[in-house]
């Protein structure tokens, strides 16, 4: 059943620019959040956390570590001919393209095609 309640245009403009977020937390976490929040609104608390330098650093550090770990585990690398440290091929760079072309030229394929 549709509501017959009329709202002023400002209400709709506000709702267009300010989205609602709903989260469910247990009582223990709710108490911790409320303690952190103090007299601030939840929106102010979230904005403060997400714009703090420590959050941005933690996010950046976590992203960098994840990227580095993934590159190390799944990336293609060869030892440098001068110092021996690994050189990683990144999709699209010159080394990556050389590796792809070499493997194509050598006829590399999935094992299931050998059947």
Protein backbone atom coordinates (compact mmCIF):
# COMPACT_ATOMS: atom_id res chain seq x y z
CA UNK A 1 0.00 0.00 0.00
CA UNK A 2 1.53 3.30 -1.09
CA UNK A 3 1.89 6.10 1.42
CA UNK A 4 -0.18 9.22 0.77
CA UNK A 5 2.21 11.31 2.82
CA UNK A 6 3.61 14.30 0.93
CA UNK A 7 7.24 15.37 1.45
CA UNK A 8 8.71 18.71 0.41
CA UNK A 9 11.18 18.77 -2.52
CA UNK A 10 14.10 19.35 -0.13
CA UNK A 11 13.43 15.95 1.44
CA UNK A 12 13.83 14.21 -1.92
CA UNK A 13 16.98 16.19 -2.78
CA UNK A 14 18.48 15.23 0.59
CA UNK A 15 17.61 11.54 0.09
CA UNK A 16 19.15 11.61 -3.37
CA UNK A 17 22.51 12.85 -2.01
CA UNK A 18 22.53 10.94 1.31
CA UNK A 19 22.17 7.16 1.08
CA UNK A 20 21.07 4.92 3.94
CA UNK A 21 23.38 2.13 5.11
CA UNK A 22 22.08 -0.63 7.38
CA UNK A 23 24.41 -2.99 9.24
CA UNK A 24 23.72 -5.70 11.79
CA UNK A 25 26.15 -6.17 14.66
CA UNK A 26 26.07 -8.14 17.89
CA UNK A 27 25.56 -6.38 21.22
CA UNK A 28 29.25 -6.42 22.14
CA UNK A 29 30.30 -4.68 18.93
CA UNK A 30 27.42 -2.20 19.21
CA UNK A 31 28.65 -1.21 22.68
CA UNK A 32 32.19 -0.69 21.37
CA UNK A 33 30.93 1.43 18.48
CA UNK A 34 28.74 3.51 20.77
CA UNK A 35 31.68 4.07 23.12
CA UNK A 36 33.84 5.27 20.20
CA UNK A 37 31.00 7.38 18.86
CA UNK A 38 30.36 9.38 22.01
CA UNK A 39 28.20 12.39 21.09
CA UNK A 40 28.91 12.09 17.35
CA UNK A 41 26.47 10.64 14.86
CA UNK A 42 27.28 7.30 13.25
CA UNK A 43 27.88 9.14 9.98
CA UNK A 44 30.39 11.47 11.67
CA UNK A 45 32.17 8.50 13.27
CA UNK A 46 32.44 6.60 10.00
CA UNK A 47 33.64 9.69 8.12
CA UNK A 48 36.23 10.40 10.84
CA UNK A 49 37.55 6.83 10.68
CA UNK A 50 37.66 6.64 6.89
CA UNK A 51 39.38 10.00 6.45
CA UNK A 52 41.94 9.57 9.22
CA UNK A 53 45.58 9.29 8.12
CA UNK A 54 45.98 6.05 10.10
CA UNK A 55 43.10 4.43 8.18
CA UNK A 56 44.49 5.56 4.84
CA UNK A 57 47.95 4.26 5.77
CA UNK A 58 46.54 0.93 7.00
CA UNK A 59 44.48 0.57 3.82
CA UNK A 60 47.46 1.42 1.64
CA UNK A 61 49.78 -0.91 3.57
CA UNK A 62 47.25 -3.75 3.37
CA UNK A 63 46.71 -3.22 -0.33
CA UNK A 64 50.46 -3.13 -0.97
CA UNK A 65 51.06 -6.29 1.05
CA UNK A 66 48.24 -8.14 -0.72
CA UNK A 67 49.50 -7.01 -4.12
CA UNK A 68 53.07 -7.96 -3.24
CA UNK A 69 52.05 -11.39 -1.87
CA UNK A 70 49.95 -12.11 -4.95
CA UNK A 71 52.69 -10.99 -7.32
CA UNK A 72 55.18 -13.19 -5.45
CA UNK A 73 52.89 -16.23 -5.47
CA UNK A 74 51.36 -16.02 -8.95
CA UNK A 75 53.56 -13.65 -10.95
CA UNK A 76 56.17 -14.42 -13.56
CA UNK A 77 59.66 -13.43 -12.54
CA UNK A 78 63.21 -13.97 -13.71
CA UNK A 79 66.42 -13.19 -11.85
CA UNK A 80 68.22 -10.02 -12.87
CA UNK A 81 71.37 -10.87 -14.84
CA UNK A 82 73.33 -8.29 -12.84
CA UNK A 83 72.19 -8.47 -9.20
CA UNK A 84 70.12 -11.69 -9.17
CA UNK A 85 67.04 -10.09 -7.59
CA UNK A 86 63.72 -11.02 -9.22
CA UNK A 87 62.28 -8.92 -12.04
CA UNK A 88 58.49 -9.31 -12.18
CA UNK A 89 56.58 -9.29 -15.43
CA UNK A 90 53.45 -7.17 -15.15
CA UNK A 91 50.64 -7.79 -17.62
CA UNK A 92 51.13 -5.54 -20.61
CA UNK A 93 54.76 -4.57 -19.99
CA UNK A 94 57.58 -5.44 -22.41
CA UNK A 95 58.89 -8.47 -20.47
CA UNK A 96 55.39 -9.90 -20.12
CA UNK A 97 54.81 -9.60 -23.87
CA UNK A 98 58.15 -11.33 -24.59
CA UNK A 99 57.22 -14.22 -22.29
CA UNK A 100 53.78 -14.58 -23.89
CA UNK A 101 55.24 -14.51 -27.40
CA UNK A 102 57.94 -17.03 -26.46
CA UNK A 103 55.42 -19.44 -24.97
CA UNK A 104 53.17 -19.13 -28.04
CA UNK A 105 56.13 -19.71 -30.38
CA UNK A 106 57.16 -22.77 -28.38
CA UNK A 107 53.65 -24.20 -28.70
CA UNK A 108 52.65 -24.19 -25.02
CA UNK A 109 49.10 -25.39 -24.46
CA UNK A 110 46.77 -26.96 -21.88
CA UNK A 111 47.62 -30.57 -21.02
CA UNK A 112 44.10 -31.73 -21.87
CA UNK A 113 44.84 -30.98 -25.56
CA UNK A 114 47.43 -33.79 -25.52
CA UNK A 115 44.77 -36.50 -25.21
